[in-house]
């Protein structure tokens, strides 16, 4: 056996917070930002577009869990009844998105939410979260086979942007669980190599 010490991969401590609303009246909408900001549902399941949004929004905050999914896996997920993608456009350009998933027991999870870095800090995030949360509450109107929404929930973590938690709390979400785990440090993938580096 070699006496040479083995290099260990760097790790980091990550805290994950879970938040919820249990009534549509919990939602406290943000002000609508100025300018040409529109939020539109992407109704055609399109893995290429979904993966673009995922990489463009999450690339600098180390969203990596879906990067290994195949085209067929993306499509299968997007085609599930009660799964919706709502996209914010600024002057016709995709600026961010909210992805909803209807779950058992009348729950709807906000699976992914965020803005492309170029559009952060422009008061778009509060409006997009407000709109997406409202669509979670009325999701059964578009999916009659799903039960009426009784709960909307999400999770955020210490890798997310510095204003994420404040945005959720301002919109009326309440903390119900906190967990801390040690994870490997992953490279920032970005939508392409070097997108967020020097």
C-alpha atoms as a PDB file:
ATOM      1  CA  UNK A   1       0.000   0.000   0.000  1.00  0.00           C
ATOM      2  CA  UNK A   2       1.315   3.430  -0.893  1.00  0.00           C
ATOM      3  CA  UNK A   3       2.128   5.887   1.888  1.00  0.00           C
ATOM      4  CA  UNK A   4       1.416   8.815  -0.426  1.00  0.00           C
ATOM      5  CA  UNK A   5      -1.596  10.743   0.935  1.00  0.00           C
ATOM      6  CA  UNK A   6      -4.606  10.665  -1.360  1.00  0.00           C
ATOM      7  CA  UNK A   7      -6.023  13.998  -2.474  1.00  0.00           C
ATOM      8  CA  UNK A   8      -9.570  14.548  -1.313  1.00  0.00           C
ATOM      9  CA  UNK A   9     -12.137  16.456  -3.298  1.00  0.00           C
ATOM     10  CA  UNK A  10     -13.037  19.813  -1.743  1.00  0.00           C
ATOM     11  CA  UNK A  11     -16.381  19.980   0.024  1.00  0.00           C
ATOM     12  CA  UNK A  12     -18.650  22.729   1.289  1.00  0.00           C
ATOM     13  CA  UNK A  13     -21.458  22.947   3.811  1.00  0.00           C
ATOM     14  CA  UNK A  14     -24.810  23.724   2.189  1.00  0.00           C
ATOM     15  CA  UNK A  15     -27.943  24.716   4.092  1.00  0.00           C
ATOM     16  CA  UNK A  16     -31.322  24.041   2.481  1.00  0.00           C
ATOM     17  CA  UNK A  17     -34.461  25.834   3.639  1.00  0.00           C
ATOM     18  CA  UNK A  18     -37.969  24.599   2.777  1.00  0.00           C
ATOM     19  CA  UNK A  19     -40.802  27.120   2.689  1.00  0.00           C
ATOM     20  CA  UNK A  20     -44.542  26.936   2.069  1.00  0.00           C
ATOM     21  CA  UNK A  21     -47.845  28.711   1.682  1.00  0.00           C
ATOM     22  CA  UNK A  22     -51.001  26.921   2.811  1.00  0.00           C
ATOM     23  CA  UNK A  23     -53.573  29.352   1.449  1.00  0.00           C
ATOM     24  CA  UNK A  24     -53.786  31.491  -1.670  1.00  0.00           C
ATOM     25  CA  UNK A  25     -54.322  34.443   0.666  1.00  0.00           C
ATOM     26  CA  UNK A  26     -50.766  33.956   1.972  1.00  0.00           C
ATOM     27  CA  UNK A  27     -49.384  35.375  -1.279  1.00  0.00           C
ATOM     28  CA  UNK A  28     -48.195  38.973  -1.033  1.00  0.00           C
ATOM     29  CA  UNK A  29     -47.552  40.077  -4.623  1.00  0.00           C
ATOM     30  CA  UNK A  30     -44.643  42.302  -5.525  1.00  0.00           C
ATOM     31  CA  UNK A  31     -45.054  45.451  -7.573  1.00  0.00           C
ATOM     32  CA  UNK A  32     -45.045  45.035 -11.331  1.00  0.00           C
ATOM     33  CA  UNK A  33     -41.722  46.333 -12.710  1.00  0.00           C
ATOM     34  CA  UNK A  34     -41.607  49.105 -15.268  1.00  0.00           C
ATOM     35  CA  UNK A  35     -40.917  48.406 -18.917  1.00  0.00           C
ATOM     36  CA  UNK A  36     -41.859  45.616 -21.287  1.00  0.00           C
ATOM     37  CA  UNK A  37     -41.954  42.638 -18.919  1.00  0.00           C
ATOM     38  CA  UNK A  38     -44.278  39.786 -19.870  1.00  0.00           C
ATOM     39  CA  UNK A  39     -44.720  36.346 -18.328  1.00  0.00           C
ATOM     40  CA  UNK A  40     -45.876  33.620 -20.698  1.00  0.00           C
ATOM     41  CA  UNK A  41     -46.460  29.902 -20.236  1.00  0.00           C
ATOM     42  CA  UNK A  42     -44.267  27.711 -22.436  1.00  0.00           C
ATOM     43  CA  UNK A  43     -47.003  25.272 -23.450  1.00  0.00           C
ATOM     44  CA  UNK A  44     -45.047  23.113 -25.907  1.00  0.00           C
ATOM     45  CA  UNK A  45     -42.782  20.623 -24.076  1.00  0.00           C
ATOM     46  CA  UNK A  46     -39.389  21.489 -25.549  1.00  0.00           C
ATOM     47  CA  UNK A  47     -36.289  20.018 -23.851  1.00  0.00           C
ATOM     48  CA  UNK A  48     -33.949  22.346 -25.762  1.00  0.00           C
ATOM     49  CA  UNK A  49     -35.690  25.437 -24.362  1.00  0.00           C
ATOM     50  CA  UNK A  50     -36.071  24.012 -20.864  1.00  0.00           C
ATOM     51  CA  UNK A  51     -32.395  23.083 -20.706  1.00  0.00           C
ATOM     52  CA  UNK A  52     -31.419  26.539 -21.964  1.00  0.00           C
ATOM     53  CA  UNK A  53     -33.431  28.182 -19.166  1.00  0.00           C
ATOM     54  CA  UNK A  54     -31.985  25.822 -16.567  1.00  0.00           C
ATOM     55  CA  UNK A  55     -28.367  26.450 -17.631  1.00  0.00           C
ATOM     56  CA  UNK A  56     -28.758  30.197 -18.209  1.00  0.00           C
ATOM     57  CA  UNK A  57     -30.448  30.835 -14.853  1.00  0.00           C
ATOM     58  CA  UNK A  58     -28.600  28.319 -12.688  1.00  0.00           C
ATOM     59  CA  UNK A  59     -25.164  28.190 -14.263  1.00  0.00           C
ATOM     60  CA  UNK A  60     -23.525  30.664 -11.905  1.00  0.00           C
ATOM     61  CA  UNK A  61     -25.174  29.221  -8.769  1.00  0.00           C
ATOM     62  CA  UNK A  62     -24.184  25.625  -9.499  1.00  0.00           C
ATOM     63  CA  UNK A  63     -27.439  24.067 -10.643  1.00  0.00           C
ATOM     64  CA  UNK A  64     -26.079  20.747 -11.867  1.00  0.00           C
ATOM     65  CA  UNK A  65     -28.609  18.048 -10.962  1.00  0.00           C
ATOM     66  CA  UNK A  66     -30.291  18.053 -14.376  1.00  0.00           C
ATOM     67  CA  UNK A  67     -27.265  18.468 -16.607  1.00  0.00           C
ATOM     68  CA  UNK A  68     -26.845  14.709 -17.000  1.00  0.00           C
ATOM     69  CA  UNK A  69     -30.450  14.128 -18.093  1.00  0.00           C
ATOM     70  CA  UNK A  70     -31.025  12.794 -21.595  1.00  0.00           C
ATOM     71  CA  UNK A  71     -33.317  14.426 -24.129  1.00  0.00           C
ATOM     72  CA  UNK A  72     -35.898  11.692 -23.486  1.00  0.00           C
ATOM     73  CA  UNK A  73     -35.745  12.281 -19.721  1.00  0.00           C
ATOM     74  CA  UNK A  74     -36.273  16.026 -20.158  1.00  0.00           C
ATOM     75  CA  UNK A  75     -39.230  15.391 -22.456  1.00  0.00           C
ATOM     76  CA  UNK A  76     -40.794  12.825 -20.125  1.00  0.00           C
ATOM     77  CA  UNK A  77     -40.619  15.276 -17.251  1.00  0.00           C
ATOM     78  CA  UNK A  78     -42.038  18.218 -19.209  1.00  0.00           C
ATOM     79  CA  UNK A  79     -44.953  16.168 -20.549  1.00  0.00           C
ATOM     80  CA  UNK A  80     -46.259  15.128 -17.118  1.00  0.00           C
ATOM     81  CA  UNK A  81     -49.757  16.505 -16.403  1.00  0.00           C
ATOM     82  CA  UNK A  82     -49.524  19.430 -14.026  1.00  0.00           C
ATOM     83  CA  UNK A  83     -45.972  20.411 -14.943  1.00  0.00           C
ATOM     84  CA  UNK A  84     -45.713  23.999 -16.199  1.00  0.00           C
ATOM     85  CA  UNK A  85     -42.972  26.422 -17.205  1.00  0.00           C
ATOM     86  CA  UNK A  86     -43.695  30.157 -17.005  1.00  0.00           C
ATOM     87  CA  UNK A  87     -41.107  32.377 -18.679  1.00  0.00           C
ATOM     88  CA  UNK A  88     -40.448  36.068 -18.057  1.00  0.00           C
ATOM     89  CA  UNK A  89     -39.528  38.075 -21.147  1.00  0.00           C
ATOM     90  CA  UNK A  90     -37.999  41.556 -21.103  1.00  0.00           C
ATOM     91  CA  UNK A  91     -38.269  43.301 -24.455  1.00  0.00           C
ATOM     92  CA  UNK A  92     -38.790  39.887 -26.047  1.00  0.00           C
ATOM     93  CA  UNK A  93     -35.730  38.282 -24.418  1.00  0.00           C
ATOM     94  CA  UNK A  94     -36.058  35.365 -21.952  1.00  0.00           C
ATOM     95  CA  UNK A  95     -35.076  36.781 -18.560  1.00  0.00           C
ATOM     96  CA  UNK A  96     -36.010  33.981 -16.154  1.00  0.00           C
ATOM     97  CA  UNK A  97     -38.537  31.308 -15.369  1.00  0.00           C
ATOM     98  CA  UNK A  98     -40.653  29.449 -12.834  1.00  0.00           C
ATOM     99  CA  UNK A  99     -41.187  25.692 -13.132  1.00  0.00           C
ATOM    100  CA  UNK A 100     -44.183  24.162 -11.331  1.00  0.00           C
ATOM    101  CA  UNK A 101     -44.912  20.527 -10.559  1.00  0.00           C
ATOM    102  CA  UNK A 102     -48.294  19.287  -9.311  1.00  0.00           C
ATOM    103  CA  UNK A 103     -47.835  16.635  -6.635  1.00  0.00           C
ATOM    104  CA  UNK A 104     -50.031  14.313  -4.593  1.00  0.00           C
ATOM    105  CA  UNK A 105     -52.338  15.682  -1.937  1.00  0.00           C
ATOM    106  CA  UNK A 106     -53.005  18.997  -3.655  1.00  0.00           C
ATOM    107  CA  UNK A 107     -49.410  20.214  -3.326  1.00  0.00           C
ATOM    108  CA  UNK A 108     -47.622  22.180  -6.030  1.00  0.00           C
ATOM    109  CA  UNK A 109     -43.861  22.581  -5.813  1.00  0.00           C
ATOM    110  CA  UNK A 110     -41.982  25.482  -7.333  1.00  0.00           C
ATOM    111  CA  UNK A 111     -39.154  23.283  -8.587  1.00  0.00           C
ATOM    112  CA  UNK A 112     -37.045  26.002 -10.162  1.00  0.00           C
ATOM    113  CA  UNK A 113     -37.220  29.768 -10.074  1.00  0.00           C
ATOM    114  CA  UNK A 114     -34.693  32.394 -11.033  1.00  0.00           C
ATOM    115  CA  UNK A 115     -33.408  35.017 -13.410  1.00  0.00           C
ATOM    116  CA  UNK A 116     -30.630  35.056 -15.965  1.00  0.00           C
ATOM    117  CA  UNK A 117     -27.783  37.036 -14.320  1.00  0.00           C
ATOM    118  CA  UNK A 118     -28.119  39.997 -16.721  1.00  0.00           C
ATOM    119  CA  UNK A 119     -31.672  40.607 -15.454  1.00  0.00           C
ATOM    120  CA  UNK A 120     -31.088  40.342 -11.706  1.00  0.00           C
ATOM    121  CA  UNK A 121     -31.407  43.437  -9.532  1.00  0.00           C
ATOM    122  CA  UNK A 122     -34.092  45.012 -11.742  1.00  0.00           C
ATOM    123  CA  UNK A 123     -37.146  44.157  -9.577  1.00  0.00           C
ATOM    124  CA  UNK A 124     -38.210  41.421 -11.978  1.00  0.00           C
ATOM    125  CA  UNK A 125     -37.690  38.540  -9.557  1.00  0.00           C
ATOM    126  CA  UNK A 126     -40.388  39.550  -7.078  1.00  0.00           C
ATOM    127  CA  UNK A 127     -42.915  39.955  -9.863  1.00  0.00           C
ATOM    128  CA  UNK A 128     -41.986  36.645 -11.487  1.00  0.00           C
ATOM    129  CA  UNK A 129     -42.209  34.791  -8.161  1.00  0.00           C
ATOM    130  CA  UNK A 130     -45.573  36.429  -7.412  1.00  0.00           C
ATOM    131  CA  UNK A 131     -46.940  35.462 -10.808  1.00  0.00           C
ATOM    132  CA  UNK A 132     -45.578  31.921 -10.640  1.00  0.00           C
ATOM    133  CA  UNK A 133     -46.959  31.373  -7.147  1.00  0.00           C
ATOM    134  CA  UNK A 134     -50.394  32.598  -8.261  1.00  0.00           C
ATOM    135  CA  UNK A 135     -50.246  30.095 -11.153  1.00  0.00           C
ATOM    136  CA  UNK A 136     -49.406  27.351  -8.659  1.00  0.00           C
ATOM    137  CA  UNK A 137     -52.535  28.237  -6.698  1.00  0.00           C
ATOM    138  CA  UNK A 138     -54.797  28.153  -9.784  1.00  0.00           C
ATOM    139  CA  UNK A 139     -53.036  25.238 -11.518  1.00  0.00           C
ATOM    140  CA  UNK A 140     -56.061  22.904 -11.264  1.00  0.00           C
ATOM    141  CA  UNK A 141     -58.032  25.312 -13.469  1.00  0.00           C
ATOM    142  CA  UNK A 142     -55.716  24.345 -16.339  1.00  0.00           C
ATOM    143  CA  UNK A 143     -55.402  20.680 -15.311  1.00  0.00           C
ATOM    144  CA  UNK A 144     -58.882  19.420 -14.335  1.00  0.00           C
ATOM    145  CA  UNK A 145     -57.467  15.970 -13.551  1.00  0.00           C
ATOM    146  CA  UNK A 146     -55.369  17.465 -10.750  1.00  0.00           C
ATOM    147  CA  UNK A 147     -56.886  18.260  -7.323  1.00  0.00           C
ATOM    148  CA  UNK A 148     -57.343  21.839  -6.183  1.00  0.00           C
ATOM    149  CA  UNK A 149     -54.111  23.292  -4.821  1.00  0.00           C
ATOM    150  CA  UNK A 150     -53.954  23.179  -1.024  1.00  0.00           C
ATOM    151  CA  UNK A 151     -50.265  23.970  -0.554  1.00  0.00           C
ATOM    152  CA  UNK A 152     -47.462  25.627  -2.538  1.00  0.00           C
ATOM    153  CA  UNK A 153     -43.928  24.902  -1.437  1.00  0.00           C
ATOM    154  CA  UNK A 154     -40.307  25.255  -2.505  1.00  0.00           C
ATOM    155  CA  UNK A 155     -36.800  25.005  -1.245  1.00  0.00           C
ATOM    156  CA  UNK A 156     -33.830  27.332  -1.514  1.00  0.00           C
ATOM    157  CA  UNK A 157     -30.275  26.912  -0.333  1.00  0.00           C
ATOM    158  CA  UNK A 158     -27.159  28.789   0.642  1.00  0.00           C
ATOM    159  CA  UNK A 159     -25.824  28.426  -2.924  1.00  0.00           C
ATOM    160  CA  UNK A 160     -28.687  30.556  -4.268  1.00  0.00           C
ATOM    161  CA  UNK A 161     -28.476  34.291  -4.783  1.00  0.00           C
ATOM    162  CA  UNK A 162     -28.211  36.580  -1.735  1.00  0.00           C
ATOM    163  CA  UNK A 163     -31.741  37.965  -2.168  1.00  0.00           C
ATOM    164  CA  UNK A 164     -33.565  34.673  -2.768  1.00  0.00           C
ATOM    165  CA  UNK A 165     -34.694  34.007   0.798  1.00  0.00           C
ATOM    166  CA  UNK A 166     -35.824  37.594   1.334  1.00  0.00           C
ATOM    167  CA  UNK A 167     -37.902  37.422  -1.852  1.00  0.00           C
ATOM    168  CA  UNK A 168     -39.639  34.237  -0.697  1.00  0.00           C
ATOM    169  CA  UNK A 169     -40.401  35.655   2.744  1.00  0.00           C
ATOM    170  CA  UNK A 170     -41.723  38.905   1.284  1.00  0.00           C
ATOM    171  CA  UNK A 171     -44.090  36.928  -0.949  1.00  0.00           C
ATOM    172  CA  UNK A 172     -45.614  35.251   2.114  1.00  0.00           C
ATOM    173  CA  UNK A 173     -43.760  31.930   2.222  1.00  0.00           C
ATOM    174  CA  UNK A 174     -43.041  30.512   5.696  1.00  0.00           C
ATOM    175  CA  UNK A 175     -40.070  28.385   6.717  1.00  0.00           C
ATOM    176  CA  UNK A 176     -40.936  24.832   7.776  1.00  0.00           C
ATOM    177  CA  UNK A 177     -37.660  22.907   7.556  1.00  0.00           C
ATOM    178  CA  UNK A 178     -33.902  23.546   7.605  1.00  0.00           C
ATOM    179  CA  UNK A 179     -31.178  21.016   6.776  1.00  0.00           C
ATOM    180  CA  UNK A 180     -27.421  21.296   6.450  1.00  0.00           C
ATOM    181  CA  UNK A 181     -25.313  18.815   4.489  1.00  0.00           C
ATOM    182  CA  UNK A 182     -21.762  18.577   3.210  1.00  0.00           C
ATOM    183  CA  UNK A 183     -21.551  18.515  -0.598  1.00  0.00           C
ATOM    184  CA  UNK A 184     -18.653  18.327  -3.053  1.00  0.00           C
ATOM    185  CA  UNK A 185     -17.581  21.630  -4.551  1.00  0.00           C
ATOM    186  CA  UNK A 186     -18.589  21.595  -8.207  1.00  0.00           C
ATOM    187  CA  UNK A 187     -17.382  23.779 -11.019  1.00  0.00           C
ATOM    188  CA  UNK A 188     -19.713  26.543 -12.137  1.00  0.00           C
ATOM    189  CA  UNK A 189     -21.133  25.071 -15.354  1.00  0.00           C
ATOM    190  CA  UNK A 190     -22.797  28.110 -16.919  1.00  0.00           C
ATOM    191  CA  UNK A 191     -24.593  27.880 -20.245  1.00  0.00           C
ATOM    192  CA  UNK A 192     -21.178  27.408 -21.874  1.00  0.00           C
ATOM    193  CA  UNK A 193     -17.589  27.033 -20.582  1.00  0.00           C
ATOM    194  CA  UNK A 194     -16.279  30.222 -19.014  1.00  0.00           C
ATOM    195  CA  UNK A 195     -19.602  32.064 -19.098  1.00  0.00           C
ATOM    196  CA  UNK A 196     -19.177  33.365 -15.550  1.00  0.00           C
ATOM    197  CA  UNK A 197     -15.430  33.332 -15.147  1.00  0.00           C
ATOM    198  CA  UNK A 198     -12.542  35.602 -16.165  1.00  0.00           C
END
